[in-house]
PDB file of N, CA and C in Angstrom:
ATOM      1  N   MET A   1       0.847  -1.181   0.000  1.00  0.00           N
ATOM      2  CA  MET A   1       0.000   0.000   0.000  1.00  0.00           C
ATOM      3  C   MET A   1       0.891   1.243   0.000  1.00  0.00           C
ATOM      4  N   ILE A   2       0.537   2.222  -0.802  1.00  0.00           N
ATOM      5  CA  ILE A   2       1.215   3.523  -0.854  1.00  0.00           C
ATOM      6  C   ILE A   2       0.223   4.561  -0.332  1.00  0.00           C
ATOM      7  N   ARG A   3       0.667   5.344   0.617  1.00  0.00           N
ATOM      8  CA  ARG A   3      -0.176   6.432   1.109  1.00  0.00           C
ATOM      9  C   ARG A   3       0.255   7.703   0.386  1.00  0.00           C
ATOM     10  N   VAL A   4      -0.691   8.350  -0.292  1.00  0.00           N
ATOM     11  CA  VAL A   4      -0.407   9.551  -1.074  1.00  0.00           C
ATOM     12  C   VAL A   4      -1.132  10.723  -0.443  1.00  0.00           C
ATOM     13  N   GLN A   5      -0.400  11.824  -0.248  1.00  0.00           N
ATOM     14  CA  GLN A   5      -0.995  13.035   0.315  1.00  0.00           C
ATOM     15  C   GLN A   5      -0.812  14.189  -0.663  1.00  0.00           C
ATOM     16  N   TYR A   6      -1.815  15.055  -0.701  1.00  0.00           N
ATOM     17  CA  TYR A   6      -1.811  16.214  -1.579  1.00  0.00           C
ATOM     18  C   TYR A   6      -1.897  17.464  -0.710  1.00  0.00           C
ATOM     19  N   PHE A   7      -1.069  18.455  -1.022  1.00  0.00           N
ATOM     20  CA  PHE A   7      -1.023  19.653  -0.199  1.00  0.00           C
ATOM     21  C   PHE A   7      -1.289  20.919  -1.007  1.00  0.00           C
ATOM     22  N   ALA A   8      -1.676  21.966  -0.273  1.00  0.00           N
ATOM     23  CA  ALA A   8      -1.888  23.312  -0.804  1.00  0.00           C
ATOM     24  C   ALA A   8      -2.909  23.288  -1.947  1.00  0.00           C
ATOM     25  N   ARG A   9      -2.599  23.952  -3.046  1.00  0.00           N
ATOM     26  CA  ARG A   9      -3.594  24.064  -4.118  1.00  0.00           C
ATOM     27  C   ARG A   9      -3.843  22.746  -4.823  1.00  0.00           C
ATOM     28  N   TYR A  10      -2.939  21.771  -4.697  1.00  0.00           N
ATOM     29  CA  TYR A  10      -3.219  20.439  -5.254  1.00  0.00           C
ATOM     30  C   TYR A  10      -4.379  19.805  -4.495  1.00  0.00           C
ATOM     31  N   ARG A  11      -4.355  19.929  -3.185  1.00  0.00           N
ATOM     32  CA  ARG A  11      -5.451  19.399  -2.371  1.00  0.00           C
ATOM     33  C   ARG A  11      -6.757  20.086  -2.759  1.00  0.00           C
ATOM     34  N   GLU A  12      -6.701  21.397  -2.946  1.00  0.00           N
ATOM     35  CA  GLU A  12      -7.898  22.144  -3.314  1.00  0.00           C
ATOM     36  C   GLU A  12      -8.412  21.730  -4.694  1.00  0.00           C
ATOM     37  N   ALA A  13      -7.516  21.581  -5.661  1.00  0.00           N
ATOM     38  CA  ALA A  13      -7.918  21.223  -7.021  1.00  0.00           C
ATOM     39  C   ALA A  13      -8.506  19.812  -7.086  1.00  0.00           C
ATOM     40  N   LEU A  14      -7.935  18.907  -6.312  1.00  0.00           N
ATOM     41  CA  LEU A  14      -8.370  17.510  -6.351  1.00  0.00           C
ATOM     42  C   LEU A  14      -9.535  17.215  -5.419  1.00  0.00           C
ATOM     43  N   GLY A  15      -9.721  18.081  -4.433  1.00  0.00           N
ATOM     44  CA  GLY A  15     -10.823  17.888  -3.500  1.00  0.00           C
ATOM     45  C   GLY A  15     -10.590  16.775  -2.492  1.00  0.00           C
ATOM     46  N   LEU A  16      -9.327  16.423  -2.269  1.00  0.00           N
ATOM     47  CA  LEU A  16      -9.041  15.429  -1.237  1.00  0.00           C
ATOM     48  C   LEU A  16      -7.644  15.640  -0.655  1.00  0.00           C
ATOM     49  N   ASP A  17      -7.514  15.238   0.605  1.00  0.00           N
ATOM     50  CA  ASP A  17      -6.233  15.370   1.309  1.00  0.00           C
ATOM     51  C   ASP A  17      -5.258  14.287   0.891  1.00  0.00           C
ATOM     52  N   GLY A  18      -5.772  13.114   0.626  1.00  0.00           N
ATOM     53  CA  GLY A  18      -4.902  12.001   0.276  1.00  0.00           C
ATOM     54  C   GLY A  18      -5.702  10.742   0.023  1.00  0.00           C
ATOM     55  N   GLU A  19      -4.978   9.685  -0.270  1.00  0.00           N
ATOM     56  CA  GLU A  19      -5.602   8.401  -0.548  1.00  0.00           C
ATOM     57  C   GLU A  19      -4.574   7.297  -0.388  1.00  0.00           C
ATOM     58  N   GLN A  20      -5.049   6.080  -0.362  1.00  0.00           N
ATOM     59  CA  GLN A  20      -4.166   4.931  -0.315  1.00  0.00           C
ATOM     60  C   GLN A  20      -4.348   4.137  -1.597  1.00  0.00           C
ATOM     61  N   LEU A  21      -3.233   3.757  -2.189  1.00  0.00           N
ATOM     62  CA  LEU A  21      -3.251   2.997  -3.432  1.00  0.00           C
ATOM     63  C   LEU A  21      -2.489   1.695  -3.237  1.00  0.00           C
ATOM     64  N   ASN A  22      -2.925   0.676  -3.911  1.00  0.00           N
ATOM     65  CA  ASN A  22      -2.200  -0.583  -3.863  1.00  0.00           C
ATOM     66  C   ASN A  22      -0.871  -0.415  -4.577  1.00  0.00           C
ATOM     67  N   TRP A  23       0.185  -0.896  -3.958  1.00  0.00           N
ATOM     68  CA  TRP A  23       1.493  -0.845  -4.582  1.00  0.00           C
ATOM     69  C   TRP A  23       1.653  -2.045  -5.501  1.00  0.00           C
ATOM     70  N   SER A  24       2.336  -1.829  -6.607  1.00  0.00           N
ATOM     71  CA  SER A  24       2.694  -2.923  -7.504  1.00  0.00           C
ATOM     72  C   SER A  24       4.074  -2.630  -8.067  1.00  0.00           C
ATOM     73  N   GLN A  25       4.686  -3.613  -8.668  1.00  0.00           N
ATOM     74  CA  GLN A  25       6.024  -3.427  -9.219  1.00  0.00           C
ATOM     75  C   GLN A  25       6.042  -2.421 -10.352  1.00  0.00           C
ATOM     76  N   SER A  26       4.893  -2.147 -10.938  1.00  0.00           N
ATOM     77  CA  SER A  26       4.830  -1.140 -12.008  1.00  0.00           C
ATOM     78  C   SER A  26       5.010   0.271 -11.448  1.00  0.00           C
ATOM     79  N   LEU A  27       4.881   0.429 -10.140  1.00  0.00           N
ATOM     80  CA  LEU A  27       5.109   1.720  -9.480  1.00  0.00           C
ATOM     81  C   LEU A  27       6.532   1.735  -8.918  1.00  0.00           C
ATOM     82  N   ALA A  28       7.501   1.730  -9.816  1.00  0.00           N
ATOM     83  CA  ALA A  28       8.903   1.651  -9.405  1.00  0.00           C
ATOM     84  C   ALA A  28       9.449   2.987  -8.907  1.00  0.00           C
ATOM     85  N   SER A  29       8.817   4.101  -9.302  1.00  0.00           N
ATOM     86  CA  SER A  29       9.312   5.428  -8.916  1.00  0.00           C
ATOM     87  C   SER A  29       8.135   6.371  -8.656  1.00  0.00           C
ATOM     88  N   LEU A  30       8.452   7.518  -8.083  1.00  0.00           N
ATOM     89  CA  LEU A  30       7.416   8.523  -7.875  1.00  0.00           C
ATOM     90  C   LEU A  30       6.834   8.981  -9.207  1.00  0.00           C
ATOM     91  N   ASP A  31       7.662   9.031 -10.243  1.00  0.00           N
ATOM     92  CA  ASP A  31       7.147   9.441 -11.539  1.00  0.00           C
ATOM     93  C   ASP A  31       6.153   8.425 -12.088  1.00  0.00           C
ATOM     94  N   ASP A  32       6.380   7.141 -11.847  1.00  0.00           N
ATOM     95  CA  ASP A  32       5.396   6.132 -12.253  1.00  0.00           C
ATOM     96  C   ASP A  32       4.065   6.363 -11.554  1.00  0.00           C
ATOM     97  N   LEU A  33       4.120   6.691 -10.278  1.00  0.00           N
ATOM     98  CA  LEU A  33       2.910   6.984  -9.515  1.00  0.00           C
ATOM     99  C   LEU A  33       2.222   8.229 -10.058  1.00  0.00           C
ATOM    100  N   ARG A  34       3.006   9.268 -10.310  1.00  0.00           N
ATOM    101  CA  ARG A  34       2.449  10.514 -10.856  1.00  0.00           C
ATOM    102  C   ARG A  34       1.765  10.252 -12.198  1.00  0.00           C
ATOM    103  N   ARG A  35       2.394   9.480 -13.049  1.00  0.00           N
ATOM    104  CA  ARG A  35       1.803   9.169 -14.360  1.00  0.00           C
ATOM    105  C   ARG A  35       0.491   8.399 -14.213  1.00  0.00           C
ATOM    106  N   LEU A  36       0.457   7.476 -13.271  1.00  0.00           N
ATOM    107  CA  LEU A  36      -0.777   6.731 -13.006  1.00  0.00           C
ATOM    108  C   LEU A  36      -1.899   7.687 -12.602  1.00  0.00           C
ATOM    109  N   LEU A  37      -1.586   8.645 -11.745  1.00  0.00           N
ATOM    110  CA  LEU A  37      -2.582   9.618 -11.303  1.00  0.00           C
ATOM    111  C   LEU A  37      -2.989  10.543 -12.445  1.00  0.00           C
ATOM    112  N   LEU A  38      -2.041  10.926 -13.295  1.00  0.00           N
ATOM    113  CA  LEU A  38      -2.351  11.784 -14.439  1.00  0.00           C
ATOM    114  C   LEU A  38      -3.316  11.116 -15.414  1.00  0.00           C
ATOM    115  N   GLU A  39      -3.281   9.805 -15.489  1.00  0.00           N
ATOM    116  CA  GLU A  39      -4.188   9.079 -16.390  1.00  0.00           C
ATOM    117  C   GLU A  39      -5.656   9.289 -16.019  1.00  0.00           C
ATOM    118  N   ARG A  40      -5.918   9.747 -14.812  1.00  0.00           N
ATOM    119  CA  ARG A  40      -7.290  10.012 -14.388  1.00  0.00           C
ATOM    120  C   ARG A  40      -7.880  11.198 -15.132  1.00  0.00           C
ATOM    121  N   GLY A  41      -7.020  12.086 -15.636  1.00  0.00           N
ATOM    122  CA  GLY A  41      -7.459  13.247 -16.403  1.00  0.00           C
ATOM    123  C   GLY A  41      -8.157  14.295 -15.555  1.00  0.00           C
ATOM    124  N   GLY A  42      -8.699  15.298 -16.207  1.00  0.00           N
ATOM    125  CA  GLY A  42      -9.417  16.370 -15.515  1.00  0.00           C
ATOM    126  C   GLY A  42      -8.544  17.105 -14.521  1.00  0.00           C
ATOM    127  N   ALA A  43      -9.037  17.254 -13.306  1.00  0.00           N
ATOM    128  CA  ALA A  43      -8.323  17.987 -12.253  1.00  0.00           C
ATOM    129  C   ALA A  43      -6.949  17.386 -11.974  1.00  0.00           C
ATOM    130  N   TRP A  44      -6.782  16.107 -12.263  1.00  0.00           N
ATOM    131  CA  TRP A  44      -5.510  15.432 -11.984  1.00  0.00           C
ATOM    132  C   TRP A  44      -4.374  15.961 -12.847  1.00  0.00           C
ATOM    133  N   ASP A  45      -4.699  16.679 -13.905  1.00  0.00           N
ATOM    134  CA  ASP A  45      -3.667  17.270 -14.757  1.00  0.00           C
ATOM    135  C   ASP A  45      -2.764  18.224 -13.987  1.00  0.00           C
ATOM    136  N   VAL A  46      -3.228  18.712 -12.843  1.00  0.00           N
ATOM    137  CA  VAL A  46      -2.426  19.621 -12.030  1.00  0.00           C
ATOM    138  C   VAL A  46      -1.110  18.951 -11.606  1.00  0.00           C
ATOM    139  N   LEU A  47      -1.094  17.634 -11.502  1.00  0.00           N
ATOM    140  CA  LEU A  47       0.123  16.928 -11.104  1.00  0.00           C
ATOM    141  C   LEU A  47       1.140  16.839 -12.238  1.00  0.00           C
ATOM    142  N   GLY A  48       0.803  17.358 -13.403  1.00  0.00           N
ATOM    143  CA  GLY A  48       1.722  17.393 -14.528  1.00  0.00           C
ATOM    144  C   GLY A  48       2.568  18.649 -14.581  1.00  0.00           C
ATOM    145  N   GLU A  49       2.366  19.546 -13.644  1.00  0.00           N
ATOM    146  CA  GLU A  49       3.137  20.791 -13.612  1.00  0.00           C
ATOM    147  C   GLU A  49       4.627  20.516 -13.459  1.00  0.00           C
ATOM    148  N   GLN A  50       5.430  21.327 -14.146  1.00  0.00           N
ATOM    149  CA  GLN A  50       6.880  21.158 -14.066  1.00  0.00           C
ATOM    150  C   GLN A  50       7.438  21.513 -12.705  1.00  0.00           C
ATOM    151  N   ASN A  51       6.775  22.397 -11.977  1.00  0.00           N
ATOM    152  CA  ASN A  51       7.298  22.827 -10.677  1.00  0.00           C
ATOM    153  C   ASN A  51       6.784  21.979  -9.516  1.00  0.00           C
ATOM    154  N   LEU A  52       6.210  20.827  -9.822  1.00  0.00           N
ATOM    155  CA  LEU A  52       5.710  19.914  -8.807  1.00  0.00           C
ATOM    156  C   LEU A  52       6.853  19.488  -7.880  1.00  0.00           C
ATOM    157  N   MET A  53       6.589  19.505  -6.603  1.00  0.00           N
ATOM    158  CA  MET A  53       7.561  19.017  -5.629  1.00  0.00           C
ATOM    159  C   MET A  53       7.000  17.745  -5.005  1.00  0.00           C
ATOM    160  N   CYS A  54       7.904  16.912  -4.511  1.00  0.00           N
ATOM    161  CA  CYS A  54       7.449  15.664  -3.920  1.00  0.00           C
ATOM    162  C   CYS A  54       8.360  15.240  -2.780  1.00  0.00           C
ATOM    163  N   ALA A  55       7.810  14.381  -1.947  1.00  0.00           N
ATOM    164  CA  ALA A  55       8.559  13.828  -0.822  1.00  0.00           C
ATOM    165  C   ALA A  55       8.196  12.353  -0.693  1.00  0.00           C
ATOM    166  N   ARG A  56       9.169  11.588  -0.264  1.00  0.00           N
ATOM    167  CA  ARG A  56       8.957  10.163   0.027  1.00  0.00           C
ATOM    168  C   ARG A  56       9.336   9.955   1.483  1.00  0.00           C
ATOM    169  N   ASN A  57       8.400   9.446   2.249  1.00  0.00           N
ATOM    170  CA  ASN A  57       8.616   9.216   3.674  1.00  0.00           C
ATOM    171  C   ASN A  57       9.145  10.471   4.378  1.00  0.00           C
ATOM    172  N   GLN A  58       8.522  11.594   4.026  1.00  0.00           N
ATOM    173  CA  GLN A  58       8.743  12.901   4.640  1.00  0.00           C
ATOM    174  C   GLN A  58      10.123  13.496   4.362  1.00  0.00           C
ATOM    175  N   GLU A  59      10.747  13.071   3.255  1.00  0.00           N
ATOM    176  CA  GLU A  59      12.014  13.665   2.825  1.00  0.00           C
ATOM    177  C   GLU A  59      11.868  14.102   1.377  1.00  0.00           C
ATOM    178  N   LEU A  60      12.231  15.358   1.106  1.00  0.00           N
ATOM    179  CA  LEU A  60      12.156  15.869  -0.257  1.00  0.00           C
ATOM    180  C   LEU A  60      12.959  14.966  -1.189  1.00  0.00           C
ATOM    181  N   CYS A  61      12.441  14.797  -2.392  1.00  0.00           N
ATOM    182  CA  CYS A  61      13.127  13.943  -3.356  1.00  0.00           C
ATOM    183  C   CYS A  61      12.724  14.365  -4.764  1.00  0.00           C
ATOM    184  N   SER A  62      13.284  13.686  -5.737  1.00  0.00           N
ATOM    185  CA  SER A  62      12.920  13.941  -7.133  1.00  0.00           C
ATOM    186  C   SER A  62      11.955  12.851  -7.597  1.00  0.00           C
ATOM    187  N   LEU A  63      11.407  13.047  -8.780  1.00  0.00           N
ATOM    188  CA  LEU A  63      10.447  12.093  -9.311  1.00  0.00           C
ATOM    189  C   LEU A  63      11.070  10.743  -9.658  1.00  0.00           C
ATOM    190  N   ASP A  64      12.403  10.681  -9.762  1.00  0.00           N
ATOM    191  CA  ASP A  64      13.026   9.388 -10.057  1.00  0.00           C
ATOM    192  C   ASP A  64      13.301   8.566  -8.796  1.00  0.00           C
ATOM    193  N   GLU A  65      12.848   9.058  -7.648  1.00  0.00           N
ATOM    194  CA  GLU A  65      12.992   8.336  -6.377  1.00  0.00           C
ATOM    195  C   GLU A  65      12.249   7.004  -6.445  1.00  0.00           C
ATOM    196  N   PRO A  66      12.895   5.908  -6.056  1.00  0.00           N
ATOM    197  CA  PRO A  66      12.212   4.616  -6.081  1.00  0.00           C
ATOM    198  C   PRO A  66      11.111   4.532  -5.027  1.00  0.00           C
ATOM    199  N   LEU A  67      10.088   3.747  -5.324  1.00  0.00           N
ATOM    200  CA  LEU A  67       8.977   3.520  -4.402  1.00  0.00           C
ATOM    201  C   LEU A  67       8.999   2.084  -3.905  1.00  0.00           C
ATOM    202  N   ALA A  68       8.506   1.899  -2.696  1.00  0.00           N
ATOM    203  CA  ALA A  68       8.381   0.556  -2.131  1.00  0.00           C
ATOM    204  C   ALA A  68       7.048   0.470  -1.403  1.00  0.00           C
ATOM    205  N   ASP A  69       6.567  -0.733  -1.245  1.00  0.00           N
ATOM    206  CA  ASP A  69       5.335  -0.960  -0.513  1.00  0.00           C
ATOM    207  C   ASP A  69       5.461  -0.367   0.887  1.00  0.00           C
ATOM    208  N   GLY A  70       4.448   0.372   1.321  1.00  0.00           N
ATOM    209  CA  GLY A  70       4.449   0.986   2.642  1.00  0.00           C
ATOM    210  C   GLY A  70       4.933   2.422   2.666  1.00  0.00           C
ATOM    211  N   ASP A  71       5.400   2.940   1.534  1.00  0.00           N
ATOM    212  CA  ASP A  71       5.888   4.314   1.482  1.00  0.00           C
ATOM    213  C   ASP A  71       4.748   5.320   1.612  1.00  0.00           C
ATOM    214  N   GLU A  72       5.124   6.496   2.090  1.00  0.00           N
ATOM    215  CA  GLU A  72       4.225   7.647   2.112  1.00  0.00           C
ATOM    216  C   GLU A  72       4.782   8.658   1.126  1.00  0.00           C
ATOM    217  N   VAL A  73       3.929   9.149   0.241  1.00  0.00           N
ATOM    218  CA  VAL A  73       4.324  10.092  -0.789  1.00  0.00           C
ATOM    219  C   VAL A  73       3.504  11.360  -0.628  1.00  0.00           C
ATOM    220  N   ALA A  74       4.144  12.497  -0.838  1.00  0.00           N
ATOM    221  CA  ALA A  74       3.437  13.780  -0.794  1.00  0.00           C
ATOM    222  C   ALA A  74       3.748  14.556  -2.068  1.00  0.00           C
ATOM    223  N   PHE A  75       2.726  15.165  -2.641  1.00  0.00           N
ATOM    224  CA  PHE A  75       2.878  16.047  -3.778  1.00  0.00           C
ATOM    225  C   PHE A  75       2.426  17.434  -3.349  1.00  0.00           C
ATOM    226  N   PHE A  76       3.228  18.456  -3.724  1.00  0.00           N
ATOM    227  CA  PHE A  76       2.881  19.821  -3.346  1.00  0.00           C
ATOM    228  C   PHE A  76       3.556  20.782  -4.315  1.00  0.00           C
ATOM    229  N   PRO A  77       2.959  21.975  -4.507  1.00  0.00           N
ATOM    230  CA  PRO A  77       3.558  22.966  -5.404  1.00  0.00           C
ATOM    231  C   PRO A  77       4.728  23.653  -4.709  1.00  0.00           C
ATOM    232  N   THR A  78       5.575  24.276  -5.507  1.00  0.00           N
ATOM    233  CA  THR A  78       6.672  25.039  -4.925  1.00  0.00           C
ATOM    234  C   THR A  78       6.098  26.174  -4.090  1.00  0.00           C
ATOM    235  N   VAL A  79       6.833  26.548  -3.094  1.00  0.00           N
ATOM    236  CA  VAL A  79       6.399  27.603  -2.181  1.00  0.00           C
ATOM    237  C   VAL A  79       7.193  28.852  -2.502  1.00  0.00           C
ATOM    238  N   THR A  80       6.472  29.953  -2.671  1.00  0.00           N
ATOM    239  CA  THR A  80       7.143  31.233  -2.889  1.00  0.00           C
ATOM    240  C   THR A  80       6.648  32.196  -1.827  1.00  0.00           C
ATOM    241  N   GLY A  81       7.423  33.150  -1.566  1.00  0.00           N
ATOM    242  CA  GLY A  81       7.037  34.129  -0.566  1.00  0.00           C
ATOM    243  C   GLY A  81       7.841  35.395  -0.700  1.00  0.00           C
ATOM    244  N   GLY A  82       7.510  36.324   0.119  1.00  0.00           N
ATOM    245  CA  GLY A  82       8.223  37.594   0.012  1.00  0.00           C
ATOM    246  C   GLY A  82       8.534  38.155   1.366  1.00  0.00           C
TER     247      GLY A  82
END
């Protein structure tokens, strides 16, 4: 099982805080997971943004980070401020 959390405007666009998905060997990386979610279309297209940030088990990482059963993944937009 992979626990996926969505933050900030991603949470708002998708209308949910997170979900749990069954893990499979086809989900070898965070990018594989992102692509699976993008296949849903519509509001899920927000996860296709180039400035998407992600974390695996509460540590920032890139989309090529490997995934394993039991991982927690978070997707969130870049944070800007002044």
